[in-house]
Amino acid sequence: DPVHIEESGSAQWRLSQSSTSSLWKTPGLFDGYGIRTTSRLKTFGAAIFGQLDWAITEKFHVLPGLRYNYDQKDVDYSRVTYGGLQTTDPALVALKNSVYSNQAFATKVDESNLSGQVTLAYRASEKFNAFGTFSTSYKPIGVNLGGLPTAGGEILLDLARVKPEYVTHYEVGVKTRPAKNATANLTFHHTDIKDYQTQVQTAEVGVNRGYLANAEKVRVIGVEFDGSTRISQNLSLQGALAYTEGKYVSFKNAPVPLEETGGASAFKDISGGALPGISKWAGSLGGELSTSNGTLFGQSGRYFIAVESYFRSDFSSSPSPSAYLNIPGYALLNARAGFKAWEGLALFVWARNILDKNYFEQLLPAAGNAGHYAAVLGDQRTFGVTIRYNFSLKD
């Protein structure tokens, strides 16, 4: 099996020190100290599903569907330490184990599930459609392959198995055409998820990629609007706006947030806290202006310029809400301009994040138990050129 090697250096104590003990500075204690990890995963999955479109009347349709899933996963994980100061001193061994420790587990899990949905669709006229959907869905059982956290020096083996998610979803909405060249759509949605699978971070160096855990129940509700209009043959506009609230209804055994790392407890009840990655407000607005006709390299088509903007409000970036891991809202501006042939050639230049906005995509605790955190930076201003040619086969 492939081996993953991770190694610290002699200065590791500066990042991992959790007490004032001078033993942390023991010469050579962490020099070349690391882990060799091997892991094996075997999976099997199968599903059978189907959907019907039952026309009760010409305007009223019922669309029921069913799906049956079976999933099986078998994991074998082994992590062995090497290097560092060779010692039998219990105090020094404990310090080494606080950075890297031996760990091994094997588990085999399987699960089956029956889920389904039913949609009621009503077409009142050519300009107005309404629908309502009730569905249940399922995210397969999971396993952790990146190591498990510890508590009191003991491996939390129960976390090797990640329970499947069960989703109950309600959605109602309308799709309209208020004018000949315009659309306006409105949707309300409500989702409850039992045993929500979430990626959580831990300060333990040996689990620095995080692990999957289950929150007992989460809820997401929201409303979304999108619309478009063609003002003239050469000018079109489109936009969207969404309001979303997501929270943990119950997560009583969540990892502590960054600022509580190293405290008396390794877990915390975060019920009522915000779900990560969800902005209350998000939206987009854009438009395209084009010529009626144009020619490039002997091909007929049109020249165009398009501008798109996107914004989102602030959001939590941590599975356990933290005052230090909230990302401020931001807005981005993108554009493209070029030529599209009626058939064949498309050539345009594009730019993303034209205003060169500095923003974060993610903030997360860094490994080492030192209270520091890391960031995933958003893309800076980027330019490019796209050339595309579509070939059509003729008889």
Protein backbone atom coordinates (compact mmCIF):
# COMPACT_ATOMS: atom_id res chain seq x y z
CA ASP A 1 0.00 0.00 0.00
CA PRO A 2 1.20 3.59 -0.63
CA VAL A 3 2.84 5.26 2.37
CA HIS A 4 2.27 8.88 3.37
CA ILE A 5 5.14 10.44 5.33
CA GLU A 6 4.85 13.54 7.48
CA GLU A 7 7.75 14.87 9.53
CA SER A 8 8.38 17.69 12.01
CA GLY A 9 11.60 19.50 12.79
CA SER A 10 13.64 20.48 15.82
CA ALA A 11 11.60 23.70 16.26
CA GLN A 12 8.25 21.88 16.40
CA TRP A 13 8.04 22.55 20.14
CA ARG A 14 7.54 26.26 19.44
CA LEU A 15 4.24 25.49 17.66
CA SER A 16 3.06 22.61 19.85
CA GLN A 17 4.01 23.87 23.32
CA SER A 18 0.95 23.72 25.59
CA SER A 19 2.64 24.36 28.95
CA THR A 20 5.58 26.25 30.42
CA SER A 21 7.56 23.06 31.03
CA SER A 22 11.21 23.35 30.02
CA LEU A 23 11.04 19.76 28.74
CA TRP A 24 9.60 21.09 25.49
CA LYS A 25 13.06 22.51 24.70
CA THR A 26 14.83 19.17 25.19
CA PRO A 27 17.52 19.02 22.45
CA GLY A 28 16.59 16.67 19.60
CA LEU A 29 13.17 15.81 21.05
CA PHE A 30 11.32 16.48 17.79
CA ASP A 31 14.24 16.44 15.37
CA GLY A 32 13.20 14.20 12.46
CA TYR A 33 10.12 13.06 14.36
CA GLY A 34 7.34 11.95 12.03
CA ILE A 35 4.72 9.41 11.02
CA ARG A 36 4.36 6.86 8.25
CA THR A 37 0.73 6.30 7.34
CA THR A 38 -0.80 3.54 5.24
CA SER A 39 -4.51 3.32 4.53
CA ARG A 40 -6.69 1.10 2.40
CA LEU A 41 -10.28 1.72 1.35
CA LYS A 42 -12.58 -0.66 -0.53
CA THR A 43 -16.03 0.55 -1.52
CA PHE A 44 -19.08 -0.87 -3.23
CA GLY A 45 -22.22 1.01 -4.14
CA ALA A 46 -25.35 0.21 -6.10
CA ALA A 47 -28.61 2.00 -6.76
CA ILE A 48 -31.87 1.47 -8.59
CA PHE A 49 -34.22 4.35 -9.26
CA GLY A 50 -37.08 5.51 -11.41
CA GLN A 51 -39.50 8.40 -11.93
CA LEU A 52 -42.94 8.79 -13.49
CA ASP A 53 -44.66 11.77 -15.09
CA TRP A 54 -48.39 11.33 -14.48
CA ALA A 55 -50.54 13.80 -16.40
CA ILE A 56 -53.69 14.17 -14.29
CA THR A 57 -54.87 16.85 -16.71
CA GLU A 58 -53.17 18.76 -19.49
CA LYS A 59 -52.17 21.43 -16.97
CA PHE A 60 -51.62 19.39 -13.80
CA HIS A 61 -48.84 16.79 -13.53
CA VAL A 62 -47.69 14.58 -10.66
CA LEU A 63 -44.08 13.35 -10.78
CA PRO A 64 -43.29 10.64 -8.20
CA GLY A 65 -39.90 8.95 -7.92
CA LEU A 66 -38.15 6.30 -5.81
CA ARG A 67 -34.49 5.36 -5.28
CA TYR A 68 -32.90 2.45 -3.42
CA ASN A 69 -29.22 2.64 -2.41
CA TYR A 70 -26.78 0.12 -0.99
CA ASP A 71 -23.28 1.15 0.10
CA GLN A 72 -20.42 -0.80 1.65
CA LYS A 73 -17.04 0.53 2.80
CA ASP A 74 -14.05 -1.26 4.28
CA VAL A 75 -11.14 0.74 5.71
CA ASP A 76 -7.82 -0.29 7.25
CA TYR A 77 -5.67 2.52 8.72
CA SER A 78 -2.22 2.40 10.30
CA ARG A 79 0.01 5.24 11.49
CA VAL A 80 3.45 4.57 13.01
CA THR A 81 5.82 7.14 14.52
CA TYR A 82 9.55 7.27 13.88
CA GLY A 83 12.57 9.45 14.69
CA GLY A 84 12.97 12.10 17.33
CA LEU A 85 14.82 11.60 20.59
CA GLN A 86 14.92 7.95 21.58
CA THR A 87 13.93 7.97 25.25
CA THR A 88 11.96 6.01 27.83
CA ASP A 89 11.29 9.06 30.02
CA PRO A 90 7.46 9.06 30.42
CA ALA A 91 7.28 12.87 30.43
CA LEU A 92 9.23 13.19 27.17
CA VAL A 93 7.30 10.33 25.55
CA ALA A 94 4.05 12.12 26.47
CA LEU A 95 5.26 15.31 24.78
CA LYS A 96 6.16 13.38 21.62
CA ASN A 97 2.76 11.66 21.63
CA SER A 98 1.04 15.03 21.91
CA VAL A 99 2.46 15.85 18.46
CA TYR A 100 2.39 12.46 16.74
CA SER A 101 1.22 9.13 18.08
CA ASN A 102 0.77 5.60 16.82
CA GLN A 103 -2.74 4.90 15.62
CA ALA A 104 -4.43 1.95 13.95
CA PHE A 105 -8.00 0.92 13.29
CA ALA A 106 -10.04 -1.16 10.87
CA THR A 107 -13.75 -0.94 10.25
CA LYS A 108 -16.29 -2.31 7.79
CA VAL A 109 -19.62 -0.58 7.37
CA ASP A 110 -22.65 -1.00 5.14
CA GLU A 111 -26.03 0.70 4.85
CA SER A 112 -29.10 0.65 2.63
CA ASN A 113 -31.74 3.30 2.12
CA LEU A 114 -35.00 3.95 0.32
CA SER A 115 -35.69 7.55 -0.63
CA GLY A 116 -38.05 9.34 -2.93
CA GLN A 117 -39.77 12.48 -4.02
CA VAL A 118 -43.06 13.75 -5.36
CA THR A 119 -43.52 16.95 -7.36
CA LEU A 120 -46.82 18.62 -8.17
CA ALA A 121 -46.60 20.87 -11.23
CA TYR A 122 -49.38 23.17 -12.42
CA ARG A 123 -49.21 25.13 -15.65
CA ALA A 124 -51.88 27.79 -15.35
CA SER A 125 -50.94 29.46 -18.63
CA GLU A 126 -48.09 30.00 -21.03
CA LYS A 127 -46.82 32.69 -18.66
CA PHE A 128 -47.31 31.08 -15.24
CA ASN A 129 -46.14 27.75 -13.79
CA ALA A 130 -46.30 26.68 -10.15
CA PHE A 131 -44.73 23.68 -8.46
CA GLY A 132 -44.29 22.03 -5.08
CA THR A 133 -41.81 19.30 -4.17
CA PHE A 134 -41.41 17.02 -1.17
CA SER A 135 -38.35 14.78 -1.16
CA THR A 136 -36.26 12.59 1.06
CA SER A 137 -32.66 11.87 0.17
CA TYR A 138 -29.64 10.16 1.58
CA LYS A 139 -25.89 10.72 1.72
CA PRO A 140 -24.06 7.38 2.03
CA ILE A 141 -22.35 6.15 5.14
CA GLY A 142 -18.76 7.36 5.42
CA VAL A 143 -15.41 6.50 6.98
CA ASN A 144 -12.47 8.62 8.13
CA LEU A 145 -9.19 7.96 6.37
CA GLY A 146 -7.06 10.81 7.70
CA GLY A 147 -6.63 9.70 11.30
CA LEU A 148 -8.87 10.18 14.32
CA PRO A 149 -8.69 12.75 17.14
CA THR A 150 -7.98 11.75 20.71
CA ALA A 151 -9.38 12.67 24.11
CA GLY A 152 -7.42 12.05 27.29
CA GLY A 153 -4.83 10.17 25.26
CA GLU A 154 -7.43 7.71 23.94
CA ILE A 155 -8.30 7.36 20.25
CA LEU A 156 -11.95 8.18 19.55
CA LEU A 157 -12.62 5.02 17.55
CA ASP A 158 -16.35 5.75 17.31
CA LEU A 159 -15.47 8.48 14.82
CA ALA A 160 -14.07 5.97 12.32
CA ARG A 161 -17.64 5.41 11.13
CA VAL A 162 -19.58 8.39 9.81
CA LYS A 163 -23.33 7.87 9.93
CA PRO A 164 -25.33 8.52 6.74
CA GLU A 165 -27.23 11.77 6.27
CA TYR A 166 -31.01 11.76 5.97
CA VAL A 167 -32.48 14.79 4.23
CA THR A 168 -36.09 15.98 4.21
CA HIS A 169 -36.72 18.78 1.74
CA TYR A 170 -39.72 20.97 0.90
CA GLU A 171 -39.82 23.42 -1.97
CA VAL A 172 -42.53 25.56 -3.56
CA GLY A 173 -42.19 28.11 -6.30
CA VAL A 174 -43.43 29.83 -9.40
CA LYS A 175 -41.88 30.37 -12.81
CA THR A 176 -43.34 33.23 -14.80
CA ARG A 177 -42.97 35.18 -18.03
CA PRO A 178 -44.38 38.60 -17.17
CA ALA A 179 -43.47 39.93 -20.62
CA LYS A 180 -42.51 38.50 -23.98
CA ASN A 181 -38.76 38.72 -23.36
CA ALA A 182 -38.67 38.50 -19.57
CA THR A 183 -38.69 35.78 -16.91
CA ALA A 184 -39.20 35.99 -13.14
CA ASN A 185 -38.91 32.98 -10.83
CA LEU A 186 -39.43 32.72 -7.07
CA THR A 187 -38.68 29.69 -4.87
CA PHE A 188 -39.06 28.98 -1.14
CA HIS A 189 -37.20 26.02 0.36
CA HIS A 190 -36.91 24.30 3.74
CA THR A 191 -34.43 21.49 4.44
CA ASP A 192 -33.91 19.39 7.58
CA ILE A 193 -30.88 17.10 7.74
CA LYS A 194 -30.42 14.38 10.34
CA ASP A 195 -26.85 13.25 11.11
CA TYR A 196 -25.38 16.01 8.94
CA GLN A 197 -21.86 15.11 7.78
CA THR A 198 -19.49 18.00 8.34
CA GLN A 199 -15.73 18.38 7.94
CA VAL A 200 -14.25 19.57 11.22
CA GLN A 201 -10.72 20.67 12.00
CA THR A 202 -8.66 19.72 15.01
CA ALA A 203 -5.52 21.24 16.45
CA GLU A 204 -3.82 17.83 16.55
CA VAL A 205 -0.91 17.78 14.10
CA GLY A 206 -1.56 14.15 13.15
CA VAL A 207 -5.11 14.99 12.01
CA ASN A 208 -4.28 18.25 10.27
CA ARG A 209 -6.60 17.54 7.34
CA GLY A 210 -9.61 17.36 9.62
CA TYR A 211 -12.14 14.57 9.88
CA LEU A 212 -15.81 13.94 9.21
CA ALA A 213 -18.27 14.10 12.09
CA ASN A 214 -22.05 13.95 12.44
CA ALA A 215 -24.22 16.80 13.73
CA GLU A 216 -27.50 15.46 15.08
CA LYS A 217 -29.69 17.86 13.10
CA VAL A 218 -29.34 20.98 10.96
CA ARG A 219 -31.87 23.18 9.19
CA VAL A 220 -31.62 25.43 6.13
CA ILE A 221 -34.45 27.69 5.00
CA GLY A 222 -34.46 30.35 2.33
CA VAL A 223 -36.01 32.15 -0.57
CA GLU A 224 -34.50 32.71 -4.02
CA PHE A 225 -35.42 35.01 -6.89
CA ASP A 226 -33.98 35.12 -10.36
CA GLY A 227 -35.02 36.98 -13.45
CA SER A 228 -33.93 38.08 -16.88
CA THR A 229 -35.07 40.49 -19.54
CA ARG A 230 -34.10 41.32 -23.10
CA ILE A 231 -34.51 45.08 -23.38
CA SER A 232 -33.72 45.07 -27.08
CA GLN A 233 -32.22 42.81 -29.68
CA ASN A 234 -28.78 43.91 -28.51
CA LEU A 235 -29.13 44.32 -24.74
CA SER A 236 -30.07 41.75 -22.10
CA LEU A 237 -29.96 41.81 -18.28
CA GLN A 238 -30.18 39.09 -15.64
CA GLY A 239 -30.04 38.98 -11.87
CA ALA A 240 -30.58 36.78 -8.83
CA LEU A 241 -31.02 37.32 -5.10
CA ALA A 242 -31.13 34.76 -2.29
CA TYR A 243 -31.77 34.92 1.44
CA THR A 244 -30.70 31.84 3.39
CA GLU A 245 -30.52 30.87 7.05
CA GLY A 246 -28.66 27.76 8.13
CA LYS A 247 -28.14 26.59 11.70
CA TYR A 248 -27.38 23.59 13.85
CA VAL A 249 -30.64 22.52 15.46
CA SER A 250 -28.64 20.07 17.57
CA PHE A 251 -24.89 19.41 17.71
CA LYS A 252 -24.11 18.61 21.33
CA ASN A 253 -20.72 16.99 20.87
CA ALA A 254 -19.00 19.34 18.43
CA PRO A 255 -15.27 20.13 18.53
CA VAL A 256 -14.50 23.32 20.43
CA PRO A 257 -13.91 26.50 18.40
CA LEU A 258 -10.41 27.85 17.86
CA GLU A 259 -10.41 30.17 20.86
CA GLU A 260 -11.29 27.33 23.25
CA THR A 261 -8.61 24.93 22.03
CA GLY A 262 -6.55 23.55 24.89
CA GLY A 263 -9.28 24.14 27.46
CA ALA A 264 -10.79 21.73 29.93
CA SER A 265 -13.11 20.16 27.34
CA ALA A 266 -12.46 18.98 23.79
CA PHE A 267 -16.14 19.20 22.82
CA LYS A 268 -18.93 21.76 23.02
CA ASP A 269 -22.68 22.05 22.49
CA ILE A 270 -23.04 24.42 19.52
CA SER A 271 -26.78 23.89 18.98
CA GLY A 272 -28.28 27.05 17.51
CA GLY A 273 -24.97 28.10 15.93
CA ALA A 274 -24.58 29.07 12.29
CA LEU A 275 -23.72 26.51 9.64
CA PRO A 276 -20.42 27.20 7.85
CA GLY A 277 -20.31 28.50 4.32
CA ILE A 278 -23.79 30.05 4.27
CA SER A 279 -24.25 33.78 3.67
CA LYS A 280 -27.60 35.24 4.64
CA TRP A 281 -27.56 37.34 1.49
CA ALA A 282 -26.10 36.49 -1.91
CA GLY A 283 -26.83 37.74 -5.36
CA SER A 284 -25.66 38.49 -8.86
CA LEU A 285 -26.35 41.06 -11.55
CA GLY A 286 -25.15 41.12 -15.11
CA GLY A 287 -25.81 42.14 -18.65
CA GLU A 288 -24.67 41.71 -22.22
CA LEU A 289 -24.48 44.23 -25.03
CA SER A 290 -23.95 42.98 -28.57
CA THR A 291 -23.98 44.13 -32.17
CA SER A 292 -26.60 42.86 -34.58
CA ASN A 293 -24.02 41.68 -37.10
CA GLY A 294 -20.28 41.49 -37.47
CA THR A 295 -17.52 39.71 -39.33
CA LEU A 296 -14.21 38.24 -38.11
CA PHE A 297 -11.81 36.17 -40.23
CA GLY A 298 -14.50 35.95 -42.87
CA GLN A 299 -17.11 34.50 -40.49
CA SER A 300 -20.42 36.19 -39.78
CA GLY A 301 -21.59 36.62 -36.22
CA ARG A 302 -21.76 39.29 -33.55
CA TYR A 303 -19.44 41.23 -31.28
CA PHE A 304 -20.36 41.42 -27.61
CA ILE A 305 -19.33 42.70 -24.20
CA ALA A 306 -20.70 41.22 -20.97
CA VAL A 307 -20.32 42.25 -17.33
CA GLU A 308 -21.25 40.14 -14.29
CA SER A 309 -21.14 41.01 -10.60
CA TYR A 310 -21.52 38.71 -7.61
CA PHE A 311 -21.79 39.45 -3.91
CA ARG A 312 -22.28 37.59 -0.66
CA SER A 313 -22.61 38.74 2.94
CA ASP A 314 -20.36 37.55 5.77
CA PHE A 315 -20.36 33.88 6.75
CA SER A 316 -18.85 31.45 9.22
CA SER A 317 -15.93 29.39 7.95
CA SER A 318 -15.73 27.00 10.90
CA PRO A 319 -17.92 23.97 11.68
CA SER A 320 -17.87 25.16 15.31
CA PRO A 321 -18.67 28.90 15.20
CA SER A 322 -15.61 30.97 16.14
CA ALA A 323 -15.17 34.71 16.55
CA TYR A 324 -11.90 34.45 14.60
CA LEU A 325 -13.08 32.35 11.66
CA ASN A 326 -15.81 34.55 10.18
CA ILE A 327 -15.23 35.77 6.63
CA PRO A 328 -16.40 39.32 5.77
CA GLY A 329 -18.75 39.77 2.85
CA TYR A 330 -17.32 40.70 -0.53
CA ALA A 331 -18.30 41.52 -4.10
CA LEU A 332 -16.57 40.52 -7.33
CA LEU A 333 -16.76 41.93 -10.84
CA ASN A 334 -16.10 39.86 -13.97
CA ALA A 335 -16.27 40.73 -17.66
CA ARG A 336 -15.71 39.31 -21.11
CA ALA A 337 -15.70 40.72 -24.63
CA GLY A 338 -15.24 39.22 -28.03
CA PHE A 339 -16.86 37.69 -31.08
CA LYS A 340 -19.25 34.76 -31.57
CA ALA A 341 -19.85 33.43 -35.05
CA TRP A 342 -23.29 32.13 -35.91
CA GLU A 343 -21.54 28.83 -36.58
CA GLY A 344 -17.99 27.83 -35.72
CA LEU A 345 -15.67 30.41 -34.16
CA ALA A 346 -15.91 32.01 -30.72
CA LEU A 347 -13.06 34.26 -29.57
CA PHE A 348 -13.13 36.44 -26.49
CA VAL A 349 -10.98 37.91 -23.75
CA TRP A 350 -12.14 37.66 -20.16
CA ALA A 351 -11.24 39.01 -16.75
CA ARG A 352 -12.20 37.79 -13.29
CA ASN A 353 -12.11 39.91 -10.15
CA ILE A 354 -11.43 43.02 -12.22
CA LEU A 355 -11.24 45.27 -9.14
CA ASP A 356 -8.61 42.96 -7.61
CA LYS A 357 -10.62 42.48 -4.43
CA ASN A 358 -8.76 40.79 -1.57
CA TYR A 359 -10.99 38.18 0.03
CA PHE A 360 -10.89 34.84 1.82
CA GLU A 361 -12.50 31.65 0.61
CA GLN A 362 -11.88 29.86 3.90
CA LEU A 363 -10.38 30.40 7.36
CA LEU A 364 -9.46 27.32 9.36
CA PRO A 365 -7.51 26.30 12.47
CA ALA A 366 -3.89 25.46 11.74
CA ALA A 367 -2.29 22.31 13.07
CA GLY A 368 -0.10 22.45 16.12
CA ASN A 369 -2.42 23.42 18.97
CA ALA A 370 -0.93 26.92 19.15
CA GLY A 371 -4.14 28.89 18.58
CA HIS A 372 -3.09 30.14 15.14
CA TYR A 373 -5.18 29.79 12.01
CA ALA A 374 -4.70 29.65 8.26
CA ALA A 375 -6.53 31.03 5.25
CA VAL A 376 -7.41 29.99 1.73
CA LEU A 377 -7.12 33.15 -0.36
CA GLY A 378 -9.54 34.03 -3.12
CA ASP A 379 -8.30 34.37 -6.68
CA GLN A 380 -6.79 37.74 -7.51
CA ARG A 381 -7.36 39.64 -10.75
CA THR A 382 -7.05 37.16 -13.61
CA PHE A 383 -7.07 37.67 -17.38
CA GLY A 384 -7.36 35.18 -20.18
CA VAL A 385 -8.28 34.47 -23.78
CA THR A 386 -10.61 31.73 -24.98
CA ILE A 387 -10.73 30.46 -28.54
CA ARG A 388 -13.35 27.88 -29.39
CA TYR A 389 -14.50 26.36 -32.67
CA ASN A 390 -17.52 24.12 -33.09
CA PHE A 391 -17.46 21.73 -36.01
CA SER A 392 -20.72 20.57 -37.56
CA LEU A 393 -20.87 17.35 -39.54
CA LYS A 394 -22.88 17.61 -42.72
CA ASP A 395 -24.40 14.74 -44.71
